[in-house]
């Protein structure tokens, strides 16, 4: 049975781009007779607020998107992340890193960059082991990682060249995004990951971490992003509208679902719908990979 997931960070409201990803993930799992779970990625404590997470869950429920299992909060999962670090240390895959933000800013630019990423030059690889209290990075092997993306087709990246060795544990005691995501996907048996195109470039790094922890590789689908009417990226900082803002403009829940479903290829034109009514209409080969602009009246 396919198990899909939606894993937002509770740092603000869910905007239309987030809601489209959630709906696509839910539809993909349900159209295959599978299960769908929600995980709150609040591992970055200072930036996350519980009330945002609770509001996100209410917004998802309003669209008919509810988790088939109890919602997991990463802030409750530190023991699992600690165990993963211990396993990686026993495999000689971790090393302490003492680089500060200033150090990294002063390093020479990489030969190439993708999606705004600048590779870490692995300058601390030869430091002696200091225990599980120091900032820790994963030693990546060189070479390409190949995977099949159901939206983009065959993909290949060399994460050692693209990102350098990823940080898994921060000097302030917080577990890093890559570690938490990979550990939790493995623990929950996630078989399909649907997310925005902006996260495509981290896929190979996460696959390497899955391999290091002997975890299965999920299937991936990277969606084209939703943009503002002028084509600019739709984001929290840019004031992207959420459900409440859209309701204040007189736009109802089923109208929103219908537009999202239309943008995913479920219908020929936007018309009011429920999520449940879209399940039998959903097919990945009908879902466009292009960017979608929200209507001017919604911005």
C-alpha atoms as a PDB file:
ATOM      1  CA  UNK A   1       0.000   0.000   0.000  1.00  0.00           C
ATOM      2  CA  UNK A   2       1.332   3.414  -0.992  1.00  0.00           C
ATOM      3  CA  UNK A   3       1.972   5.766   1.940  1.00  0.00           C
ATOM      4  CA  UNK A   4       2.336   9.440   1.035  1.00  0.00           C
ATOM      5  CA  UNK A   5       2.960  12.413   3.280  1.00  0.00           C
ATOM      6  CA  UNK A   6       2.751  16.164   3.591  1.00  0.00           C
ATOM      7  CA  UNK A   7       5.317  17.696   5.901  1.00  0.00           C
ATOM      8  CA  UNK A   8       4.978  21.466   6.371  1.00  0.00           C
ATOM      9  CA  UNK A   9       7.096  23.600   8.676  1.00  0.00           C
ATOM     10  CA  UNK A  10       4.969  25.536  11.197  1.00  0.00           C
ATOM     11  CA  UNK A  11       6.607  28.897  10.535  1.00  0.00           C
ATOM     12  CA  UNK A  12       3.480  30.609   9.178  1.00  0.00           C
ATOM     13  CA  UNK A  13       0.209  29.979   7.380  1.00  0.00           C
ATOM     14  CA  UNK A  14      -0.149  27.582   4.452  1.00  0.00           C
ATOM     15  CA  UNK A  15      -0.393  29.541   1.205  1.00  0.00           C
ATOM     16  CA  UNK A  16      -1.816  28.334  -2.101  1.00  0.00           C
ATOM     17  CA  UNK A  17       1.445  26.738  -3.195  1.00  0.00           C
ATOM     18  CA  UNK A  18       1.606  24.687   0.011  1.00  0.00           C
ATOM     19  CA  UNK A  19      -2.052  23.725  -0.287  1.00  0.00           C
ATOM     20  CA  UNK A  20      -1.586  22.632  -3.900  1.00  0.00           C
ATOM     21  CA  UNK A  21       1.297  20.372  -2.878  1.00  0.00           C
ATOM     22  CA  UNK A  22      -0.750  18.914  -0.030  1.00  0.00           C
ATOM     23  CA  UNK A  23      -3.702  18.225  -2.332  1.00  0.00           C
ATOM     24  CA  UNK A  24      -1.474  16.637  -4.994  1.00  0.00           C
ATOM     25  CA  UNK A  25       0.156  14.382  -2.419  1.00  0.00           C
ATOM     26  CA  UNK A  26      -3.225  13.385  -0.947  1.00  0.00           C
ATOM     27  CA  UNK A  27      -4.758  12.725  -4.365  1.00  0.00           C
ATOM     28  CA  UNK A  28      -1.787  10.666  -5.491  1.00  0.00           C
ATOM     29  CA  UNK A  29      -1.974   8.413  -2.424  1.00  0.00           C
ATOM     30  CA  UNK A  30      -5.778   8.115  -2.420  1.00  0.00           C
ATOM     31  CA  UNK A  31      -6.008   7.448  -6.174  1.00  0.00           C
ATOM     32  CA  UNK A  32      -3.810   4.381  -5.587  1.00  0.00           C
ATOM     33  CA  UNK A  33      -5.880   3.214  -2.627  1.00  0.00           C
ATOM     34  CA  UNK A  34      -3.106   4.257  -0.254  1.00  0.00           C
ATOM     35  CA  UNK A  35      -2.706   6.109   3.010  1.00  0.00           C
ATOM     36  CA  UNK A  36      -1.630   9.702   3.626  1.00  0.00           C
ATOM     37  CA  UNK A  37       0.001  11.156   6.713  1.00  0.00           C
ATOM     38  CA  UNK A  38       0.884  14.614   7.992  1.00  0.00           C
ATOM     39  CA  UNK A  39       4.159  15.365   9.746  1.00  0.00           C
ATOM     40  CA  UNK A  40       5.002  18.715  11.326  1.00  0.00           C
ATOM     41  CA  UNK A  41       8.620  19.598  10.587  1.00  0.00           C
ATOM     42  CA  UNK A  42       9.259  21.746  13.631  1.00  0.00           C
ATOM     43  CA  UNK A  43      12.801  20.522  14.260  1.00  0.00           C
ATOM     44  CA  UNK A  44      14.075  24.114  13.868  1.00  0.00           C
ATOM     45  CA  UNK A  45      12.617  25.207  17.188  1.00  0.00           C
ATOM     46  CA  UNK A  46      13.374  28.961  17.137  1.00  0.00           C
ATOM     47  CA  UNK A  47      11.573  29.462  13.806  1.00  0.00           C
ATOM     48  CA  UNK A  48       8.572  27.218  14.502  1.00  0.00           C
ATOM     49  CA  UNK A  49       5.461  27.895  16.556  1.00  0.00           C
ATOM     50  CA  UNK A  50       2.955  25.304  17.708  1.00  0.00           C
ATOM     51  CA  UNK A  51       0.016  27.606  16.998  1.00  0.00           C
ATOM     52  CA  UNK A  52       1.042  27.868  13.348  1.00  0.00           C
ATOM     53  CA  UNK A  53       1.099  24.085  13.128  1.00  0.00           C
ATOM     54  CA  UNK A  54      -2.348  23.783  14.680  1.00  0.00           C
ATOM     55  CA  UNK A  55      -3.707  26.363  12.219  1.00  0.00           C
ATOM     56  CA  UNK A  56      -2.137  24.472   9.321  1.00  0.00           C
ATOM     57  CA  UNK A  57      -3.887  21.300  10.443  1.00  0.00           C
ATOM     58  CA  UNK A  58      -7.216  23.153  10.588  1.00  0.00           C
ATOM     59  CA  UNK A  59      -6.687  24.541   7.086  1.00  0.00           C
ATOM     60  CA  UNK A  60      -5.879  21.097   5.702  1.00  0.00           C
ATOM     61  CA  UNK A  61      -8.944  19.631   7.406  1.00  0.00           C
ATOM     62  CA  UNK A  62     -11.087  22.369   5.834  1.00  0.00           C
ATOM     63  CA  UNK A  63      -9.979  21.082   2.429  1.00  0.00           C
ATOM     64  CA  UNK A  64     -10.764  17.511   3.438  1.00  0.00           C
ATOM     65  CA  UNK A  65      -7.106  16.558   3.870  1.00  0.00           C
ATOM     66  CA  UNK A  66      -6.694  14.736   7.173  1.00  0.00           C
ATOM     67  CA  UNK A  67      -3.946  12.387   8.268  1.00  0.00           C
ATOM     68  CA  UNK A  68      -4.681   8.660   8.329  1.00  0.00           C
ATOM     69  CA  UNK A  69      -2.334   8.337  11.319  1.00  0.00           C
ATOM     70  CA  UNK A  70      -1.647  10.524  14.360  1.00  0.00           C
ATOM     71  CA  UNK A  71       0.279  13.638  13.328  1.00  0.00           C
ATOM     72  CA  UNK A  72       3.984  13.438  14.172  1.00  0.00           C
ATOM     73  CA  UNK A  73       5.828  16.510  15.441  1.00  0.00           C
ATOM     74  CA  UNK A  74       9.570  16.386  14.873  1.00  0.00           C
ATOM     75  CA  UNK A  75      10.202  18.209  18.148  1.00  0.00           C
ATOM     76  CA  UNK A  76       9.104  14.961  19.854  1.00  0.00           C
ATOM     77  CA  UNK A  77      11.534  12.808  17.877  1.00  0.00           C
ATOM     78  CA  UNK A  78      14.994  13.777  19.167  1.00  0.00           C
ATOM     79  CA  UNK A  79      15.703  10.253  20.429  1.00  0.00           C
ATOM     80  CA  UNK A  80      15.322   8.799  16.935  1.00  0.00           C
ATOM     81  CA  UNK A  81      17.636  11.424  15.446  1.00  0.00           C
ATOM     82  CA  UNK A  82      20.228  10.797  18.165  1.00  0.00           C
ATOM     83  CA  UNK A  83      20.135   7.077  17.427  1.00  0.00           C
ATOM     84  CA  UNK A  84      20.672   7.771  13.721  1.00  0.00           C
ATOM     85  CA  UNK A  85      23.734   9.908  14.502  1.00  0.00           C
ATOM     86  CA  UNK A  86      25.134   7.116  16.662  1.00  0.00           C
ATOM     87  CA  UNK A  87      24.667   4.644  13.809  1.00  0.00           C
ATOM     88  CA  UNK A  88      26.388   6.972  11.340  1.00  0.00           C
ATOM     89  CA  UNK A  89      29.301   7.499  13.735  1.00  0.00           C
ATOM     90  CA  UNK A  90      29.754   3.728  14.069  1.00  0.00           C
ATOM     91  CA  UNK A  91      29.966   3.611  10.261  1.00  0.00           C
ATOM     92  CA  UNK A  92      32.659   6.352  10.307  1.00  0.00           C
ATOM     93  CA  UNK A  93      30.451   8.661   8.266  1.00  0.00           C
ATOM     94  CA  UNK A  94      30.420  11.696  10.612  1.00  0.00           C
ATOM     95  CA  UNK A  95      32.956  14.378  11.442  1.00  0.00           C
ATOM     96  CA  UNK A  96      32.875  17.524  13.602  1.00  0.00           C
ATOM     97  CA  UNK A  97      32.633  20.906  11.898  1.00  0.00           C
ATOM     98  CA  UNK A  98      33.763  24.168  13.465  1.00  0.00           C
ATOM     99  CA  UNK A  99      32.921  26.469  10.561  1.00  0.00           C
ATOM    100  CA  UNK A 100      30.950  29.577  11.479  1.00  0.00           C
ATOM    101  CA  UNK A 101      28.624  31.518   9.196  1.00  0.00           C
ATOM    102  CA  UNK A 102      31.398  34.053   8.755  1.00  0.00           C
ATOM    103  CA  UNK A 103      33.850  31.305   7.780  1.00  0.00           C
ATOM    104  CA  UNK A 104      31.504  30.008   5.121  1.00  0.00           C
ATOM    105  CA  UNK A 105      30.841  33.472   3.713  1.00  0.00           C
ATOM    106  CA  UNK A 106      34.581  34.063   3.340  1.00  0.00           C
ATOM    107  CA  UNK A 107      35.228  30.839   1.423  1.00  0.00           C
ATOM    108  CA  UNK A 108      35.817  31.080  -2.296  1.00  0.00           C
ATOM    109  CA  UNK A 109      32.779  30.652  -4.526  1.00  0.00           C
ATOM    110  CA  UNK A 110      32.184  27.180  -5.932  1.00  0.00           C
ATOM    111  CA  UNK A 111      32.775  26.370  -9.616  1.00  0.00           C
ATOM    112  CA  UNK A 112      29.019  26.158 -10.105  1.00  0.00           C
ATOM    113  CA  UNK A 113      25.860  26.717  -8.141  1.00  0.00           C
ATOM    114  CA  UNK A 114      22.309  25.434  -8.595  1.00  0.00           C
ATOM    115  CA  UNK A 115      19.151  26.914  -7.161  1.00  0.00           C
ATOM    116  CA  UNK A 116      21.201  29.306  -5.062  1.00  0.00           C
ATOM    117  CA  UNK A 117      23.135  26.524  -3.328  1.00  0.00           C
ATOM    118  CA  UNK A 118      26.822  26.928  -2.592  1.00  0.00           C
ATOM    119  CA  UNK A 119      28.665  23.677  -1.849  1.00  0.00           C
ATOM    120  CA  UNK A 120      30.371  23.279   1.499  1.00  0.00           C
ATOM    121  CA  UNK A 121      34.068  22.624   0.683  1.00  0.00           C
ATOM    122  CA  UNK A 122      34.442  19.836   3.286  1.00  0.00           C
ATOM    123  CA  UNK A 123      37.242  21.715   5.028  1.00  0.00           C
ATOM    124  CA  UNK A 124      36.727  19.979   8.409  1.00  0.00           C
ATOM    125  CA  UNK A 125      36.748  16.384   7.159  1.00  0.00           C
ATOM    126  CA  UNK A 126      40.034  15.506   8.835  1.00  0.00           C
ATOM    127  CA  UNK A 127      39.237  16.827  12.296  1.00  0.00           C
ATOM    128  CA  UNK A 128      39.425  14.225  15.079  1.00  0.00           C
ATOM    129  CA  UNK A 129      36.184  12.915  16.569  1.00  0.00           C
ATOM    130  CA  UNK A 130      34.858  15.014  19.452  1.00  0.00           C
ATOM    131  CA  UNK A 131      31.641  13.199  20.377  1.00  0.00           C
ATOM    132  CA  UNK A 132      27.999  13.764  19.550  1.00  0.00           C
ATOM    133  CA  UNK A 133      27.957  17.278  21.001  1.00  0.00           C
ATOM    134  CA  UNK A 134      29.870  19.090  18.250  1.00  0.00           C
ATOM    135  CA  UNK A 135      28.312  20.257  14.980  1.00  0.00           C
ATOM    136  CA  UNK A 136      28.377  17.182  12.737  1.00  0.00           C
ATOM    137  CA  UNK A 137      28.513  16.658   8.986  1.00  0.00           C
ATOM    138  CA  UNK A 138      27.960  13.548   6.869  1.00  0.00           C
ATOM    139  CA  UNK A 139      30.917  12.446   4.744  1.00  0.00           C
ATOM    140  CA  UNK A 140      29.440  12.033   1.253  1.00  0.00           C
ATOM    141  CA  UNK A 141      30.981   9.660  -1.294  1.00  0.00           C
ATOM    142  CA  UNK A 142      31.828  11.107  -4.680  1.00  0.00           C
ATOM    143  CA  UNK A 143      29.809  10.205  -7.730  1.00  0.00           C
ATOM    144  CA  UNK A 144      26.389  10.694  -9.210  1.00  0.00           C
ATOM    145  CA  UNK A 145      23.029   9.644  -7.804  1.00  0.00           C
ATOM    146  CA  UNK A 146      20.377   8.602 -10.324  1.00  0.00           C
ATOM    147  CA  UNK A 147      16.664   8.556  -9.615  1.00  0.00           C
ATOM    148  CA  UNK A 148      13.395   8.552 -11.526  1.00  0.00           C
ATOM    149  CA  UNK A 149      11.190  11.559 -10.897  1.00  0.00           C
ATOM    150  CA  UNK A 150       7.621  10.933 -12.005  1.00  0.00           C
ATOM    151  CA  UNK A 151       7.337  14.579 -13.111  1.00  0.00           C
ATOM    152  CA  UNK A 152      10.801  15.228 -14.511  1.00  0.00           C
ATOM    153  CA  UNK A 153      11.891  11.796 -15.740  1.00  0.00           C
ATOM    154  CA  UNK A 154      15.410  10.449 -15.214  1.00  0.00           C
ATOM    155  CA  UNK A 155      17.488  12.677 -12.942  1.00  0.00           C
ATOM    156  CA  UNK A 156      21.123  12.623 -11.871  1.00  0.00           C
ATOM    157  CA  UNK A 157      23.146  14.764  -9.465  1.00  0.00           C
ATOM    158  CA  UNK A 158      26.461  14.468  -7.662  1.00  0.00           C
ATOM    159  CA  UNK A 159      25.577  15.769  -4.176  1.00  0.00           C
ATOM    160  CA  UNK A 160      29.223  15.843  -3.087  1.00  0.00           C
ATOM    161  CA  UNK A 161      29.842  18.428  -5.817  1.00  0.00           C
ATOM    162  CA  UNK A 162      26.446  20.120  -5.628  1.00  0.00           C
ATOM    163  CA  UNK A 163      26.087  20.688  -1.891  1.00  0.00           C
ATOM    164  CA  UNK A 164      29.169  19.261  -0.219  1.00  0.00           C
ATOM    165  CA  UNK A 165      28.889  17.338   3.026  1.00  0.00           C
ATOM    166  CA  UNK A 166      25.538  18.227   4.666  1.00  0.00           C
ATOM    167  CA  UNK A 167      25.212  19.390   8.251  1.00  0.00           C
ATOM    168  CA  UNK A 168      23.215  16.903  10.344  1.00  0.00           C
ATOM    169  CA  UNK A 169      23.593  18.328  13.840  1.00  0.00           C
ATOM    170  CA  UNK A 170      24.023  22.006  14.668  1.00  0.00           C
ATOM    171  CA  UNK A 171      26.270  23.552  17.260  1.00  0.00           C
ATOM    172  CA  UNK A 172      23.206  24.974  19.028  1.00  0.00           C
ATOM    173  CA  UNK A 173      21.973  21.434  19.687  1.00  0.00           C
ATOM    174  CA  UNK A 174      19.318  21.275  16.964  1.00  0.00           C
ATOM    175  CA  UNK A 175      19.053  18.430  14.487  1.00  0.00           C
ATOM    176  CA  UNK A 176      19.270  19.468  10.852  1.00  0.00           C
ATOM    177  CA  UNK A 177      16.497  19.211   8.285  1.00  0.00           C
ATOM    178  CA  UNK A 178      18.123  16.473   6.166  1.00  0.00           C
ATOM    179  CA  UNK A 179      18.563  14.110   9.097  1.00  0.00           C
ATOM    180  CA  UNK A 180      15.079  14.591  10.529  1.00  0.00           C
ATOM    181  CA  UNK A 181      13.327  14.223   7.172  1.00  0.00           C
ATOM    182  CA  UNK A 182      15.159  11.065   6.141  1.00  0.00           C
ATOM    183  CA  UNK A 183      14.836   9.385   9.544  1.00  0.00           C
ATOM    184  CA  UNK A 184      11.113  10.158   9.777  1.00  0.00           C
ATOM    185  CA  UNK A 185      10.344   9.094   6.208  1.00  0.00           C
ATOM    186  CA  UNK A 186      11.984   5.764   7.002  1.00  0.00           C
ATOM    187  CA  UNK A 187      10.184   5.369  10.334  1.00  0.00           C
ATOM    188  CA  UNK A 188       6.777   6.139   8.813  1.00  0.00           C
ATOM    189  CA  UNK A 189       7.304   3.888   5.806  1.00  0.00           C
ATOM    190  CA  UNK A 190       6.878   6.761   3.353  1.00  0.00           C
ATOM    191  CA  UNK A 191       6.885   5.419  -0.188  1.00  0.00           C
ATOM    192  CA  UNK A 192       6.060   8.568  -2.170  1.00  0.00           C
ATOM    193  CA  UNK A 193       7.247  12.142  -1.702  1.00  0.00           C
ATOM    194  CA  UNK A 194       5.431  14.944  -3.505  1.00  0.00           C
ATOM    195  CA  UNK A 195       6.957  18.402  -3.080  1.00  0.00           C
ATOM    196  CA  UNK A 196       7.745  21.614  -4.928  1.00  0.00           C
ATOM    197  CA  UNK A 197      10.332  21.979  -7.663  1.00  0.00           C
ATOM    198  CA  UNK A 198      12.366  24.225  -5.371  1.00  0.00           C
ATOM    199  CA  UNK A 199      13.355  21.129  -3.348  1.00  0.00           C
ATOM    200  CA  UNK A 200      14.526  19.048  -6.289  1.00  0.00           C
ATOM    201  CA  UNK A 201      18.196  19.956  -5.779  1.00  0.00           C
ATOM    202  CA  UNK A 202      18.360  18.388  -2.298  1.00  0.00           C
ATOM    203  CA  UNK A 203      17.033  15.017  -3.446  1.00  0.00           C
ATOM    204  CA  UNK A 204      20.395  13.394  -4.196  1.00  0.00           C
ATOM    205  CA  UNK A 205      21.787  14.425  -0.805  1.00  0.00           C
ATOM    206  CA  UNK A 206      18.809  12.849   0.954  1.00  0.00           C
ATOM    207  CA  UNK A 207      19.166   9.671  -1.114  1.00  0.00           C
ATOM    208  CA  UNK A 208      22.789   9.411   0.010  1.00  0.00           C
ATOM    209  CA  UNK A 209      21.658   9.703   3.625  1.00  0.00           C
ATOM    210  CA  UNK A 210      18.989   7.046   3.054  1.00  0.00           C
ATOM    211  CA  UNK A 211      21.709   4.760   1.723  1.00  0.00           C
ATOM    212  CA  UNK A 212      23.977   5.446   4.703  1.00  0.00           C
ATOM    213  CA  UNK A 213      21.170   4.547   7.132  1.00  0.00           C
ATOM    214  CA  UNK A 214      20.044   1.520   5.057  1.00  0.00           C
ATOM    215  CA  UNK A 215      16.607   3.044   4.525  1.00  0.00           C
ATOM    216  CA  UNK A 216      14.439   2.425   1.441  1.00  0.00           C
ATOM    217  CA  UNK A 217      14.212   5.064  -1.254  1.00  0.00           C
ATOM    218  CA  UNK A 218      10.767   6.623  -1.789  1.00  0.00           C
ATOM    219  CA  UNK A 219       9.429   7.626  -5.182  1.00  0.00           C
ATOM    220  CA  UNK A 220       9.719  11.358  -5.944  1.00  0.00           C
ATOM    221  CA  UNK A 221       7.521  13.831  -7.767  1.00  0.00           C
ATOM    222  CA  UNK A 222       8.513  17.514  -7.916  1.00  0.00           C
ATOM    223  CA  UNK A 223       5.670  19.878  -8.749  1.00  0.00           C
ATOM    224  CA  UNK A 224       5.912  23.077 -10.731  1.00  0.00           C
ATOM    225  CA  UNK A 225       5.481  26.005  -8.369  1.00  0.00           C
ATOM    226  CA  UNK A 226       2.546  28.359  -8.002  1.00  0.00           C
ATOM    227  CA  UNK A 227       3.500  31.976  -8.622  1.00  0.00           C
ATOM    228  CA  UNK A 228       2.037  35.404  -8.059  1.00  0.00           C
ATOM    229  CA  UNK A 229       0.154  36.995 -11.019  1.00  0.00           C
ATOM    230  CA  UNK A 230       3.346  38.819 -12.074  1.00  0.00           C
ATOM    231  CA  UNK A 231       5.263  35.531 -12.218  1.00  0.00           C
ATOM    232  CA  UNK A 232       7.256  36.123  -9.043  1.00  0.00           C
ATOM    233  CA  UNK A 233       7.680  33.323  -6.535  1.00  0.00           C
ATOM    234  CA  UNK A 234       4.761  32.821  -4.194  1.00  0.00           C
ATOM    235  CA  UNK A 235       6.034  32.711  -0.630  1.00  0.00           C
ATOM    236  CA  UNK A 236       5.252  33.577   2.961  1.00  0.00           C
ATOM    237  CA  UNK A 237       7.502  36.622   2.922  1.00  0.00           C
ATOM    238  CA  UNK A 238       5.812  37.918  -0.224  1.00  0.00           C
ATOM    239  CA  UNK A 239       2.402  37.883   1.430  1.00  0.00           C
ATOM    240  CA  UNK A 240       1.082  34.834  -0.395  1.00  0.00           C
ATOM    241  CA  UNK A 241      -2.623  34.347   0.439  1.00  0.00           C
ATOM    242  CA  UNK A 242      -3.850  31.555   2.655  1.00  0.00           C
ATOM    243  CA  UNK A 243      -7.383  30.310   3.192  1.00  0.00           C
ATOM    244  CA  UNK A 244      -8.442  33.091   5.540  1.00  0.00           C
ATOM    245  CA  UNK A 245      -7.265  35.829   3.173  1.00  0.00           C
ATOM    246  CA  UNK A 246      -9.058  34.163   0.263  1.00  0.00           C
ATOM    247  CA  UNK A 247     -12.262  33.812   2.266  1.00  0.00           C
ATOM    248  CA  UNK A 248     -12.081  37.530   3.059  1.00  0.00           C
ATOM    249  CA  UNK A 249     -12.118  38.112  -0.703  1.00  0.00           C
ATOM    250  CA  UNK A 250     -15.311  36.082  -0.972  1.00  0.00           C
ATOM    251  CA  UNK A 251     -13.658  32.923  -2.331  1.00  0.00           C
ATOM    252  CA  UNK A 252     -15.173  29.747  -0.878  1.00  0.00           C
ATOM    253  CA  UNK A 253     -13.480  26.503   0.066  1.00  0.00           C
ATOM    254  CA  UNK A 254     -14.843  24.457  -2.825  1.00  0.00           C
ATOM    255  CA  UNK A 255     -13.880  27.183  -5.291  1.00  0.00           C
ATOM    256  CA  UNK A 256     -10.308  27.017  -3.964  1.00  0.00           C
ATOM    257  CA  UNK A 257     -10.249  23.220  -4.186  1.00  0.00           C
ATOM    258  CA  UNK A 258     -11.613  23.386  -7.708  1.00  0.00           C
ATOM    259  CA  UNK A 259      -8.909  25.799  -8.839  1.00  0.00           C
ATOM    260  CA  UNK A 260      -6.217  23.652  -7.236  1.00  0.00           C
ATOM    261  CA  UNK A 261      -7.677  20.546  -8.857  1.00  0.00           C
ATOM    262  CA  UNK A 262      -7.785  22.256 -12.247  1.00  0.00           C
ATOM    263  CA  UNK A 263      -4.130  23.292 -11.854  1.00  0.00           C
ATOM    264  CA  UNK A 264      -3.306  19.597 -11.269  1.00  0.00           C
ATOM    265  CA  UNK A 265      -5.081  18.489 -14.447  1.00  0.00           C
ATOM    266  CA  UNK A 266      -8.170  17.014 -12.762  1.00  0.00           C
ATOM    267  CA  UNK A 267     -10.668  19.068 -14.776  1.00  0.00           C
ATOM    268  CA  UNK A 268     -10.793  21.085 -17.981  1.00  0.00           C
ATOM    269  CA  UNK A 269     -11.728  24.334 -16.257  1.00  0.00           C
ATOM    270  CA  UNK A 270     -11.854  25.565 -12.666  1.00  0.00           C
ATOM    271  CA  UNK A 271     -15.167  24.776 -11.012  1.00  0.00           C
ATOM    272  CA  UNK A 272     -16.140  24.191  -7.383  1.00  0.00           C
ATOM    273  CA  UNK A 273     -15.318  20.735  -6.064  1.00  0.00           C
ATOM    274  CA  UNK A 274     -14.442  18.726  -3.001  1.00  0.00           C
ATOM    275  CA  UNK A 275     -11.138  16.909  -2.674  1.00  0.00           C
ATOM    276  CA  UNK A 276     -12.957  13.570  -2.566  1.00  0.00           C
ATOM    277  CA  UNK A 277     -14.571  14.244  -5.941  1.00  0.00           C
ATOM    278  CA  UNK A 278     -11.140  14.742  -7.526  1.00  0.00           C
ATOM    279  CA  UNK A 279      -9.674  11.365  -6.556  1.00  0.00           C
ATOM    280  CA  UNK A 280     -10.924   9.398  -9.568  1.00  0.00           C
ATOM    281  CA  UNK A 281      -9.929  12.239 -11.935  1.00  0.00           C
ATOM    282  CA  UNK A 282      -6.330  12.493 -10.753  1.00  0.00           C
ATOM    283  CA  UNK A 283      -3.480  11.145 -12.906  1.00  0.00           C
ATOM    284  CA  UNK A 284       0.148  12.224 -12.842  1.00  0.00           C
ATOM    285  CA  UNK A 285       0.404  12.069 -16.622  1.00  0.00           C
ATOM    286  CA  UNK A 286      -2.391  14.670 -16.807  1.00  0.00           C
ATOM    287  CA  UNK A 287      -0.745  16.964 -14.261  1.00  0.00           C
ATOM    288  CA  UNK A 288       1.287  19.733 -15.889  1.00  0.00           C
ATOM    289  CA  UNK A 289       4.843  20.273 -14.684  1.00  0.00           C
ATOM    290  CA  UNK A 290       4.768  23.992 -15.498  1.00  0.00           C
ATOM    291  CA  UNK A 291       4.409  26.898 -13.105  1.00  0.00           C
ATOM    292  CA  UNK A 292       0.905  28.176 -12.338  1.00  0.00           C
ATOM    293  CA  UNK A 293      -0.024  31.782 -11.657  1.00  0.00           C
ATOM    294  CA  UNK A 294      -2.789  32.539  -9.198  1.00  0.00           C
ATOM    295  CA  UNK A 295      -5.690  34.661 -10.460  1.00  0.00           C
ATOM    296  CA  UNK A 296      -5.255  38.416 -10.169  1.00  0.00           C
ATOM    297  CA  UNK A 297      -8.333  38.633  -7.935  1.00  0.00           C
ATOM    298  CA  UNK A 298      -6.739  36.175  -5.459  1.00  0.00           C
ATOM    299  CA  UNK A 299      -3.462  38.000  -4.967  1.00  0.00           C
END
